[in-house]
């Protein structure tokens, strides 16, 4: 079983804050809930951490850290898909590209 952000706890959020800054790591369940459901509301999951990188370097650092820590990651564009592909079903970190400018 692959560890998720939930199983790594605050270590994941702490490391992600170091990479993108604290204002771009969301952990409040009231805020992260909207990232855990698709546009149709048919697919619903959970995520303890949403990270919003702004640059390619930040995306690379996030992916590298998650891979080395064994933390599962779900990339999410606008979260407008209709088949649940961007929904974290088992507590994965959501990599939201809403802030990304390349």
PDB file of N, CA and C in Angstrom:
ATOM      1  N   UNK A   1       0.847  -1.183   0.000  1.00  0.00           N
ATOM      2  CA  UNK A   1       0.000   0.000   0.000  1.00  0.00           C
ATOM      3  C   UNK A   1       0.889   1.242   0.000  1.00  0.00           C
ATOM      4  N   UNK A   2       0.584   2.180  -0.860  1.00  0.00           N
ATOM      5  CA  UNK A   2       1.343   3.419  -0.956  1.00  0.00           C
ATOM      6  C   UNK A   2       0.895   4.389   0.123  1.00  0.00           C
ATOM      7  N   UNK A   3       1.838   4.962   0.885  1.00  0.00           N
ATOM      8  CA  UNK A   3       1.441   5.953   1.887  1.00  0.00           C
ATOM      9  C   UNK A   3       0.797   7.153   1.217  1.00  0.00           C
ATOM     10  N   UNK A   4      -0.124   7.771   1.904  1.00  0.00           N
ATOM     11  CA  UNK A   4      -0.785   8.971   1.397  1.00  0.00           C
ATOM     12  C   UNK A   4      -0.436  10.139   2.295  1.00  0.00           C
ATOM     13  N   UNK A   5      -0.910  11.303   1.914  1.00  0.00           N
ATOM     14  CA  UNK A   5      -0.660  12.488   2.734  1.00  0.00           C
ATOM     15  C   UNK A   5      -1.229  12.305   4.126  1.00  0.00           C
ATOM     16  N   UNK A   6      -2.359  11.619   4.232  1.00  0.00           N
ATOM     17  CA  UNK A   6      -2.955  11.394   5.540  1.00  0.00           C
ATOM     18  C   UNK A   6      -2.068  10.566   6.440  1.00  0.00           C
ATOM     19  N   UNK A   7      -1.383   9.578   5.859  1.00  0.00           N
ATOM     20  CA  UNK A   7      -0.538   8.726   6.681  1.00  0.00           C
ATOM     21  C   UNK A   7       0.792   9.381   7.012  1.00  0.00           C
ATOM     22  N   UNK A   8       1.174  10.400   6.273  1.00  0.00           N
ATOM     23  CA  UNK A   8       2.406  11.105   6.597  1.00  0.00           C
ATOM     24  C   UNK A   8       2.138  12.345   7.434  1.00  0.00           C
ATOM     25  N   UNK A   9       0.877  12.691   7.595  1.00  0.00           N
ATOM     26  CA  UNK A   9       0.473  13.775   8.488  1.00  0.00           C
ATOM     27  C   UNK A   9       1.048  15.120   8.138  1.00  0.00           C
ATOM     28  N   UNK A  10       1.431  15.837   9.172  1.00  0.00           N
ATOM     29  CA  UNK A  10       1.906  17.205   8.985  1.00  0.00           C
ATOM     30  C   UNK A  10       3.254  17.278   8.286  1.00  0.00           C
ATOM     31  N   UNK A  11       3.971  16.162   8.197  1.00  0.00           N
ATOM     32  CA  UNK A  11       5.250  16.170   7.484  1.00  0.00           C
ATOM     33  C   UNK A  11       5.047  16.551   6.023  1.00  0.00           C
ATOM     34  N   UNK A  12       4.006  16.013   5.398  1.00  0.00           N
ATOM     35  CA  UNK A  12       3.728  16.343   3.993  1.00  0.00           C
ATOM     36  C   UNK A  12       3.411  17.820   3.856  1.00  0.00           C
ATOM     37  N   UNK A  13       2.504  18.322   4.663  1.00  0.00           N
ATOM     38  CA  UNK A  13       2.131  19.736   4.581  1.00  0.00           C
ATOM     39  C   UNK A  13       3.337  20.620   4.858  1.00  0.00           C
ATOM     40  N   UNK A  14       4.149  20.243   5.832  1.00  0.00           N
ATOM     41  CA  UNK A  14       5.331  21.033   6.170  1.00  0.00           C
ATOM     42  C   UNK A  14       6.324  21.108   5.027  1.00  0.00           C
ATOM     43  N   UNK A  15       6.583  19.980   4.395  1.00  0.00           N
ATOM     44  CA  UNK A  15       7.520  19.962   3.274  1.00  0.00           C
ATOM     45  C   UNK A  15       6.955  20.717   2.074  1.00  0.00           C
ATOM     46  N   UNK A  16       5.669  20.555   1.818  1.00  0.00           N
ATOM     47  CA  UNK A  16       5.048  21.261   0.697  1.00  0.00           C
ATOM     48  C   UNK A  16       5.032  22.767   0.934  1.00  0.00           C
ATOM     49  N   UNK A  17       4.851  23.188   2.175  1.00  0.00           N
ATOM     50  CA  UNK A  17       4.928  24.628   2.504  1.00  0.00           C
ATOM     51  C   UNK A  17       6.318  25.173   2.212  1.00  0.00           C
ATOM     52  N   UNK A  18       7.330  24.369   2.497  1.00  0.00           N
ATOM     53  CA  UNK A  18       8.704  24.790   2.230  1.00  0.00           C
ATOM     54  C   UNK A  18       8.913  25.002   0.729  1.00  0.00           C
ATOM     55  N   UNK A  19       8.260  24.196  -0.080  1.00  0.00           N
ATOM     56  CA  UNK A  19       8.434  24.275  -1.532  1.00  0.00           C
ATOM     57  C   UNK A  19       7.668  25.449  -2.139  1.00  0.00           C
ATOM     58  N   UNK A  20       6.406  25.636  -1.761  1.00  0.00           N
ATOM     59  CA  UNK A  20       5.562  26.645  -2.430  1.00  0.00           C
ATOM     60  C   UNK A  20       5.155  27.817  -1.551  1.00  0.00           C
ATOM     61  N   UNK A  21       5.467  27.759  -0.274  1.00  0.00           N
ATOM     62  CA  UNK A  21       5.035  28.803   0.657  1.00  0.00           C
ATOM     63  C   UNK A  21       3.739  28.409   1.337  1.00  0.00           C
ATOM     64  N   UNK A  22       3.553  28.843   2.572  1.00  0.00           N
ATOM     65  CA  UNK A  22       2.397  28.402   3.359  1.00  0.00           C
ATOM     66  C   UNK A  22       1.044  28.806   2.784  1.00  0.00           C
ATOM     67  N   UNK A  23       0.985  29.916   2.073  1.00  0.00           N
ATOM     68  CA  UNK A  23      -0.297  30.373   1.529  1.00  0.00           C
ATOM     69  C   UNK A  23      -0.794  29.492   0.386  1.00  0.00           C
ATOM     70  N   UNK A  24       0.054  28.612  -0.125  1.00  0.00           N
ATOM     71  CA  UNK A  24      -0.325  27.768  -1.262  1.00  0.00           C
ATOM     72  C   UNK A  24      -0.457  26.292  -0.890  1.00  0.00           C
ATOM     73  N   UNK A  25      -0.523  26.017   0.405  1.00  0.00           N
ATOM     74  CA  UNK A  25      -0.780  24.661   0.901  1.00  0.00           C
ATOM     75  C   UNK A  25      -2.043  24.733   1.746  1.00  0.00           C
ATOM     76  N   UNK A  26      -3.074  24.064   1.298  1.00  0.00           N
ATOM     77  CA  UNK A  26      -4.381  24.116   1.956  1.00  0.00           C
ATOM     78  C   UNK A  26      -4.602  22.845   2.764  1.00  0.00           C
ATOM     79  N   UNK A  27      -4.964  23.014   4.033  1.00  0.00           N
ATOM     80  CA  UNK A  27      -5.218  21.853   4.889  1.00  0.00           C
ATOM     81  C   UNK A  27      -6.561  21.933   5.610  1.00  0.00           C
ATOM     82  N   UNK A  28      -7.217  23.072   5.576  1.00  0.00           N
ATOM     83  CA  UNK A  28      -8.516  23.232   6.228  1.00  0.00           C
ATOM     84  C   UNK A  28      -9.542  22.362   5.502  1.00  0.00           C
ATOM     85  N   UNK A  29     -10.166  21.405   6.189  1.00  0.00           N
ATOM     86  CA  UNK A  29     -11.129  20.512   5.536  1.00  0.00           C
ATOM     87  C   UNK A  29     -12.269  21.245   4.830  1.00  0.00           C
ATOM     88  N   UNK A  30     -12.674  22.388   5.345  1.00  0.00           N
ATOM     89  CA  UNK A  30     -13.732  23.159   4.683  1.00  0.00           C
ATOM     90  C   UNK A  30     -13.276  23.690   3.326  1.00  0.00           C
ATOM     91  N   UNK A  31     -11.985  23.932   3.194  1.00  0.00           N
ATOM     92  CA  UNK A  31     -11.422  24.431   1.940  1.00  0.00           C
ATOM     93  C   UNK A  31     -11.061  23.272   1.006  1.00  0.00           C
ATOM     94  N   UNK A  32     -10.438  22.237   1.547  1.00  0.00           N
ATOM     95  CA  UNK A  32      -9.998  21.120   0.703  1.00  0.00           C
ATOM     96  C   UNK A  32     -11.153  20.272   0.177  1.00  0.00           C
ATOM     97  N   UNK A  33     -12.311  20.362   0.801  1.00  0.00           N
ATOM     98  CA  UNK A  33     -13.462  19.543   0.381  1.00  0.00           C
ATOM     99  C   UNK A  33     -13.835  19.774  -1.078  1.00  0.00           C
ATOM    100  N   UNK A  34     -13.724  20.999  -1.553  1.00  0.00           N
ATOM    101  CA  UNK A  34     -14.105  21.279  -2.944  1.00  0.00           C
ATOM    102  C   UNK A  34     -13.130  20.658  -3.947  1.00  0.00           C
ATOM    103  N   UNK A  35     -11.947  20.287  -3.504  1.00  0.00           N
ATOM    104  CA  UNK A  35     -10.965  19.637  -4.369  1.00  0.00           C
ATOM    105  C   UNK A  35     -11.152  18.116  -4.383  1.00  0.00           C
ATOM    106  N   UNK A  36     -12.035  17.613  -3.560  1.00  0.00           N
ATOM    107  CA  UNK A  36     -12.218  16.169  -3.412  1.00  0.00           C
ATOM    108  C   UNK A  36     -13.512  15.671  -4.038  1.00  0.00           C
ATOM    109  N   UNK A  37     -14.081  16.457  -4.920  1.00  0.00           N
ATOM    110  CA  UNK A  37     -15.311  16.068  -5.602  1.00  0.00           C
ATOM    111  C   UNK A  37     -15.239  16.579  -7.042  1.00  0.00           C
ATOM    112  N   UNK A  38     -15.768  15.794  -7.984  1.00  0.00           N
ATOM    113  CA  UNK A  38     -15.727  16.247  -9.370  1.00  0.00           C
ATOM    114  C   UNK A  38     -16.901  17.165  -9.683  1.00  0.00           C
ATOM    115  N   UNK A  39     -16.891  17.700 -10.870  1.00  0.00           N
ATOM    116  CA  UNK A  39     -17.881  18.683 -11.283  1.00  0.00           C
ATOM    117  C   UNK A  39     -19.301  18.145 -11.211  1.00  0.00           C
ATOM    118  N   UNK A  40     -19.486  16.861 -11.493  1.00  0.00           N
ATOM    119  CA  UNK A  40     -20.825  16.257 -11.481  1.00  0.00           C
ATOM    120  C   UNK A  40     -21.301  15.913 -10.075  1.00  0.00           C
ATOM    121  N   UNK A  41     -20.377  15.932  -9.126  1.00  0.00           N
ATOM    122  CA  UNK A  41     -20.618  15.525  -7.738  1.00  0.00           C
ATOM    123  C   UNK A  41     -20.863  14.015  -7.617  1.00  0.00           C
ATOM    124  N   UNK A  42     -20.626  13.283  -8.701  1.00  0.00           N
ATOM    125  CA  UNK A  42     -20.781  11.832  -8.676  1.00  0.00           C
ATOM    126  C   UNK A  42     -19.597  11.161  -7.992  1.00  0.00           C
ATOM    127  N   UNK A  43     -18.396  11.678  -8.212  1.00  0.00           N
ATOM    128  CA  UNK A  43     -17.178  11.119  -7.639  1.00  0.00           C
ATOM    129  C   UNK A  43     -16.734  11.987  -6.477  1.00  0.00           C
ATOM    130  N   UNK A  44     -16.582  11.370  -5.330  1.00  0.00           N
ATOM    131  CA  UNK A  44     -16.196  12.113  -4.135  1.00  0.00           C
ATOM    132  C   UNK A  44     -15.133  11.327  -3.378  1.00  0.00           C
ATOM    133  N   UNK A  45     -14.140  12.033  -2.866  1.00  0.00           N
ATOM    134  CA  UNK A  45     -13.063  11.397  -2.130  1.00  0.00           C
ATOM    135  C   UNK A  45     -12.658  12.246  -0.945  1.00  0.00           C
ATOM    136  N   UNK A  46     -11.362  12.174  -0.631  1.00  0.00           N
ATOM    137  CA  UNK A  46     -10.859  12.974   0.487  1.00  0.00           C
ATOM    138  C   UNK A  46      -9.390  13.304   0.242  1.00  0.00           C
ATOM    139  N   UNK A  47      -8.996  14.447   0.725  1.00  0.00           N
ATOM    140  CA  UNK A  47      -7.591  14.835   0.684  1.00  0.00           C
ATOM    141  C   UNK A  47      -7.278  15.677   1.908  1.00  0.00           C
ATOM    142  N   UNK A  48      -6.203  15.377   2.589  1.00  0.00           N
ATOM    143  CA  UNK A  48      -5.815  16.213   3.718  1.00  0.00           C
ATOM    144  C   UNK A  48      -4.988  17.426   3.303  1.00  0.00           C
ATOM    145  N   UNK A  49      -4.446  17.404   2.069  1.00  0.00           N
ATOM    146  CA  UNK A  49      -3.547  18.474   1.633  1.00  0.00           C
ATOM    147  C   UNK A  49      -3.781  18.793   0.158  1.00  0.00           C
ATOM    148  N   UNK A  50      -3.927  20.084  -0.136  1.00  0.00           N
ATOM    149  CA  UNK A  50      -3.951  20.573  -1.518  1.00  0.00           C
ATOM    150  C   UNK A  50      -2.766  21.517  -1.661  1.00  0.00           C
ATOM    151  N   UNK A  51      -1.956  21.291  -2.686  1.00  0.00           N
ATOM    152  CA  UNK A  51      -0.803  22.152  -2.928  1.00  0.00           C
ATOM    153  C   UNK A  51      -0.990  22.814  -4.289  1.00  0.00           C
ATOM    154  N   UNK A  52      -0.698  24.135  -4.340  1.00  0.00           N
ATOM    155  CA  UNK A  52      -0.920  24.917  -5.561  1.00  0.00           C
ATOM    156  C   UNK A  52       0.392  25.545  -6.034  1.00  0.00           C
ATOM    157  N   UNK A  53       1.158  24.828  -6.848  1.00  0.00           N
ATOM    158  CA  UNK A  53       2.415  25.383  -7.352  1.00  0.00           C
ATOM    159  C   UNK A  53       2.161  26.473  -8.384  1.00  0.00           C
ATOM    160  N   UNK A  54       3.141  27.353  -8.531  1.00  0.00           N
ATOM    161  CA  UNK A  54       3.014  28.430  -9.497  1.00  0.00           C
ATOM    162  C   UNK A  54       4.012  28.350 -10.638  1.00  0.00           C
ATOM    163  N   UNK A  55       5.013  27.473 -10.504  1.00  0.00           N
ATOM    164  CA  UNK A  55       6.053  27.375 -11.525  1.00  0.00           C
ATOM    165  C   UNK A  55       6.371  25.916 -11.829  1.00  0.00           C
ATOM    166  N   UNK A  56       7.048  25.720 -12.947  1.00  0.00           N
ATOM    167  CA  UNK A  56       7.502  24.382 -13.319  1.00  0.00           C
ATOM    168  C   UNK A  56       8.453  23.826 -12.270  1.00  0.00           C
ATOM    169  N   UNK A  57       9.331  24.672 -11.746  1.00  0.00           N
ATOM    170  CA  UNK A  57      10.279  24.225 -10.723  1.00  0.00           C
ATOM    171  C   UNK A  57       9.552  23.742  -9.471  1.00  0.00           C
ATOM    172  N   UNK A  58       8.483  24.432  -9.081  1.00  0.00           N
ATOM    173  CA  UNK A  58       7.711  23.995  -7.915  1.00  0.00           C
ATOM    174  C   UNK A  58       7.007  22.667  -8.185  1.00  0.00           C
ATOM    175  N   UNK A  59       6.449  22.507  -9.384  1.00  0.00           N
ATOM    176  CA  UNK A  59       5.810  21.230  -9.733  1.00  0.00           C
ATOM    177  C   UNK A  59       6.837  20.107  -9.647  1.00  0.00           C
ATOM    178  N   UNK A  60       8.009  20.326 -10.222  1.00  0.00           N
ATOM    179  CA  UNK A  60       9.062  19.311 -10.202  1.00  0.00           C
ATOM    180  C   UNK A  60       9.482  18.971  -8.778  1.00  0.00           C
ATOM    181  N   UNK A  61       9.626  19.978  -7.933  1.00  0.00           N
ATOM    182  CA  UNK A  61      10.028  19.742  -6.543  1.00  0.00           C
ATOM    183  C   UNK A  61       8.957  18.969  -5.780  1.00  0.00           C
ATOM    184  N   UNK A  62       7.697  19.279  -6.025  1.00  0.00           N
ATOM    185  CA  UNK A  62       6.591  18.576  -5.364  1.00  0.00           C
ATOM    186  C   UNK A  62       6.569  17.114  -5.788  1.00  0.00           C
ATOM    187  N   UNK A  63       6.634  16.877  -7.094  1.00  0.00           N
ATOM    188  CA  UNK A  63       6.600  15.502  -7.604  1.00  0.00           C
ATOM    189  C   UNK A  63       7.803  14.718  -7.091  1.00  0.00           C
ATOM    190  N   UNK A  64       8.972  15.339  -7.096  1.00  0.00           N
ATOM    191  CA  UNK A  64      10.180  14.680  -6.604  1.00  0.00           C
ATOM    192  C   UNK A  64      10.045  14.323  -5.133  1.00  0.00           C
ATOM    193  N   UNK A  65       9.579  15.270  -4.320  1.00  0.00           N
ATOM    194  CA  UNK A  65       9.436  14.985  -2.893  1.00  0.00           C
ATOM    195  C   UNK A  65       8.403  13.891  -2.648  1.00  0.00           C
ATOM    196  N   UNK A  66       7.244  13.988  -3.284  1.00  0.00           N
ATOM    197  CA  UNK A  66       6.200  12.973  -3.091  1.00  0.00           C
ATOM    198  C   UNK A  66       6.706  11.594  -3.496  1.00  0.00           C
ATOM    199  N   UNK A  67       7.418  11.507  -4.618  1.00  0.00           N
ATOM    200  CA  UNK A  67       7.953  10.219  -5.064  1.00  0.00           C
ATOM    201  C   UNK A  67       8.954   9.664  -4.060  1.00  0.00           C
ATOM    202  N   UNK A  68       9.844  10.512  -3.563  1.00  0.00           N
ATOM    203  CA  UNK A  68      10.858  10.030  -2.619  1.00  0.00           C
ATOM    204  C   UNK A  68      10.259   9.657  -1.270  1.00  0.00           C
ATOM    205  N   UNK A  69       9.158  10.316  -0.895  1.00  0.00           N
ATOM    206  CA  UNK A  69       8.506  10.030   0.390  1.00  0.00           C
ATOM    207  C   UNK A  69       7.435   8.947   0.260  1.00  0.00           C
ATOM    208  N   UNK A  70       7.156   8.508  -0.961  1.00  0.00           N
ATOM    209  CA  UNK A  70       6.120   7.501  -1.168  1.00  0.00           C
ATOM    210  C   UNK A  70       4.719   8.036  -0.968  1.00  0.00           C
ATOM    211  N   UNK A  71       4.542   9.328  -1.199  1.00  0.00           N
ATOM    212  CA  UNK A  71       3.236   9.964  -1.019  1.00  0.00           C
ATOM    213  C   UNK A  71       2.509  10.009  -2.363  1.00  0.00           C
ATOM    214  N   UNK A  72       1.302   9.471  -2.397  1.00  0.00           N
ATOM    215  CA  UNK A  72       0.506   9.455  -3.625  1.00  0.00           C
ATOM    216  C   UNK A  72       0.031  10.865  -3.964  1.00  0.00           C
ATOM    217  N   UNK A  73      -0.063  11.137  -5.254  1.00  0.00           N
ATOM    218  CA  UNK A  73      -0.351  12.476  -5.752  1.00  0.00           C
ATOM    219  C   UNK A  73      -1.409  12.391  -6.848  1.00  0.00           C
ATOM    220  N   UNK A  74      -2.385  13.297  -6.812  1.00  0.00           N
ATOM    221  CA  UNK A  74      -3.403  13.380  -7.864  1.00  0.00           C
ATOM    222  C   UNK A  74      -3.322  14.771  -8.481  1.00  0.00           C
ATOM    223  N   UNK A  75      -2.928  14.869  -9.763  1.00  0.00           N
ATOM    224  CA  UNK A  75      -2.918  16.174 -10.416  1.00  0.00           C
ATOM    225  C   UNK A  75      -4.338  16.605 -10.753  1.00  0.00           C
ATOM    226  N   UNK A  76      -4.571  17.887 -10.664  1.00  0.00           N
ATOM    227  CA  UNK A  76      -5.916  18.405 -10.907  1.00  0.00           C
ATOM    228  C   UNK A  76      -5.808  19.733 -11.643  1.00  0.00           C
ATOM    229  N   UNK A  77      -6.421  19.798 -12.838  1.00  0.00           N
ATOM    230  CA  UNK A  77      -6.460  21.050 -13.598  1.00  0.00           C
ATOM    231  C   UNK A  77      -7.565  21.924 -13.049  1.00  0.00           C
ATOM    232  N   UNK A  78      -8.619  22.066 -13.797  1.00  0.00           N
ATOM    233  CA  UNK A  78      -9.750  22.877 -13.356  1.00  0.00           C
ATOM    234  C   UNK A  78     -10.789  22.096 -12.583  1.00  0.00           C
ATOM    235  N   UNK A  79     -10.571  20.801 -12.419  1.00  0.00           N
ATOM    236  CA  UNK A  79     -11.512  19.907 -11.730  1.00  0.00           C
ATOM    237  C   UNK A  79     -12.889  19.941 -12.391  1.00  0.00           C
ATOM    238  N   UNK A  80     -12.871  20.007 -13.716  1.00  0.00           N
ATOM    239  CA  UNK A  80     -14.131  20.042 -14.457  1.00  0.00           C
ATOM    240  C   UNK A  80     -14.423  18.733 -15.172  1.00  0.00           C
ATOM    241  N   UNK A  81     -13.602  17.720 -14.926  1.00  0.00           N
ATOM    242  CA  UNK A  81     -13.807  16.426 -15.570  1.00  0.00           C
ATOM    243  C   UNK A  81     -15.114  15.777 -15.146  1.00  0.00           C
ATOM    244  N   UNK A  82     -15.576  14.870 -15.971  1.00  0.00           N
ATOM    245  CA  UNK A  82     -16.861  14.227 -15.727  1.00  0.00           C
ATOM    246  C   UNK A  82     -16.726  12.763 -15.324  1.00  0.00           C
ATOM    247  N   UNK A  83     -15.496  12.263 -15.180  1.00  0.00           N
ATOM    248  CA  UNK A  83     -15.316  10.843 -14.891  1.00  0.00           C
ATOM    249  C   UNK A  83     -14.492  10.572 -13.633  1.00  0.00           C
ATOM    250  N   UNK A  84     -14.225  11.580 -12.830  1.00  0.00           N
ATOM    251  CA  UNK A  84     -13.554  11.387 -11.551  1.00  0.00           C
ATOM    252  C   UNK A  84     -12.053  11.226 -11.603  1.00  0.00           C
ATOM    253  N   UNK A  85     -11.421  11.484 -12.746  1.00  0.00           N
ATOM    254  CA  UNK A  85      -9.982  11.292 -12.875  1.00  0.00           C
ATOM    255  C   UNK A  85      -9.140  12.194 -11.993  1.00  0.00           C
ATOM    256  N   UNK A  86      -9.641  13.352 -11.608  1.00  0.00           N
ATOM    257  CA  UNK A  86      -8.886  14.281 -10.776  1.00  0.00           C
ATOM    258  C   UNK A  86      -9.302  14.264  -9.319  1.00  0.00           C
ATOM    259  N   UNK A  87     -10.082  13.257  -8.926  1.00  0.00           N
ATOM    260  CA  UNK A  87     -10.588  13.191  -7.549  1.00  0.00           C
ATOM    261  C   UNK A  87      -9.685  12.288  -6.707  1.00  0.00           C
ATOM    262  N   UNK A  88      -9.204  12.777  -5.575  1.00  0.00           N
ATOM    263  CA  UNK A  88      -8.406  11.940  -4.679  1.00  0.00           C
ATOM    264  C   UNK A  88      -9.323  10.977  -3.926  1.00  0.00           C
ATOM    265  N   UNK A  89      -9.230   9.704  -4.220  1.00  0.00           N
ATOM    266  CA  UNK A  89     -10.165   8.749  -3.633  1.00  0.00           C
ATOM    267  C   UNK A  89      -9.689   8.154  -2.318  1.00  0.00           C
ATOM    268  N   UNK A  90      -8.370   8.209  -2.072  1.00  0.00           N
ATOM    269  CA  UNK A  90      -7.850   7.532  -0.887  1.00  0.00           C
ATOM    270  C   UNK A  90      -6.891   8.411  -0.089  1.00  0.00           C
ATOM    271  N   UNK A  91      -7.184   9.707  -0.010  1.00  0.00           N
ATOM    272  CA  UNK A  91      -6.367  10.599   0.810  1.00  0.00           C
ATOM    273  C   UNK A  91      -5.083  11.079   0.168  1.00  0.00           C
ATOM    274  N   UNK A  92      -4.991  11.035  -1.156  1.00  0.00           N
ATOM    275  CA  UNK A  92      -3.796  11.500  -1.837  1.00  0.00           C
ATOM    276  C   UNK A  92      -3.655  13.021  -1.729  1.00  0.00           C
ATOM    277  N   UNK A  93      -2.437  13.501  -1.926  1.00  0.00           N
ATOM    278  CA  UNK A  93      -2.191  14.936  -2.040  1.00  0.00           C
ATOM    279  C   UNK A  93      -2.765  15.386  -3.380  1.00  0.00           C
ATOM    280  N   UNK A  94      -3.487  16.496  -3.392  1.00  0.00           N
ATOM    281  CA  UNK A  94      -3.971  17.072  -4.647  1.00  0.00           C
ATOM    282  C   UNK A  94      -2.975  18.130  -5.103  1.00  0.00           C
ATOM    283  N   UNK A  95      -2.493  17.970  -6.324  1.00  0.00           N
ATOM    284  CA  UNK A  95      -1.622  18.943  -6.965  1.00  0.00           C
ATOM    285  C   UNK A  95      -2.511  19.787  -7.869  1.00  0.00           C
ATOM    286  N   UNK A  96      -2.987  20.908  -7.342  1.00  0.00           N
ATOM    287  CA  UNK A  96      -3.902  21.779  -8.076  1.00  0.00           C
ATOM    288  C   UNK A  96      -3.102  22.724  -8.962  1.00  0.00           C
ATOM    289  N   UNK A  97      -3.446  22.752 -10.239  1.00  0.00           N
ATOM    290  CA  UNK A  97      -2.736  23.602 -11.186  1.00  0.00           C
ATOM    291  C   UNK A  97      -3.436  24.933 -11.428  1.00  0.00           C
ATOM    292  N   UNK A  98      -4.345  25.315 -10.544  1.00  0.00           N
ATOM    293  CA  UNK A  98      -5.091  26.563 -10.721  1.00  0.00           C
ATOM    294  C   UNK A  98      -4.201  27.801 -10.649  1.00  0.00           C
ATOM    295  N   UNK A  99      -3.091  27.722  -9.968  1.00  0.00           N
ATOM    296  CA  UNK A  99      -2.179  28.854  -9.820  1.00  0.00           C
ATOM    297  C   UNK A  99      -1.025  28.795 -10.820  1.00  0.00           C
ATOM    298  N   UNK A 100      -0.854  27.679 -11.459  1.00  0.00           N
ATOM    299  CA  UNK A 100       0.300  27.417 -12.322  1.00  0.00           C
ATOM    300  C   UNK A 100       0.327  28.347 -13.525  1.00  0.00           C
ATOM    301  N   UNK A 101       1.507  28.943 -13.766  1.00  0.00           N
ATOM    302  CA  UNK A 101       1.647  29.814 -14.934  1.00  0.00           C
ATOM    303  C   UNK A 101       2.775  29.358 -15.854  1.00  0.00           C
ATOM    304  N   UNK A 102       3.293  28.161 -15.596  1.00  0.00           N
ATOM    305  CA  UNK A 102       4.323  27.580 -16.459  1.00  0.00           C
ATOM    306  C   UNK A 102       5.652  28.184 -16.222  1.00  0.00           C
TER     307      UNK A 102
END
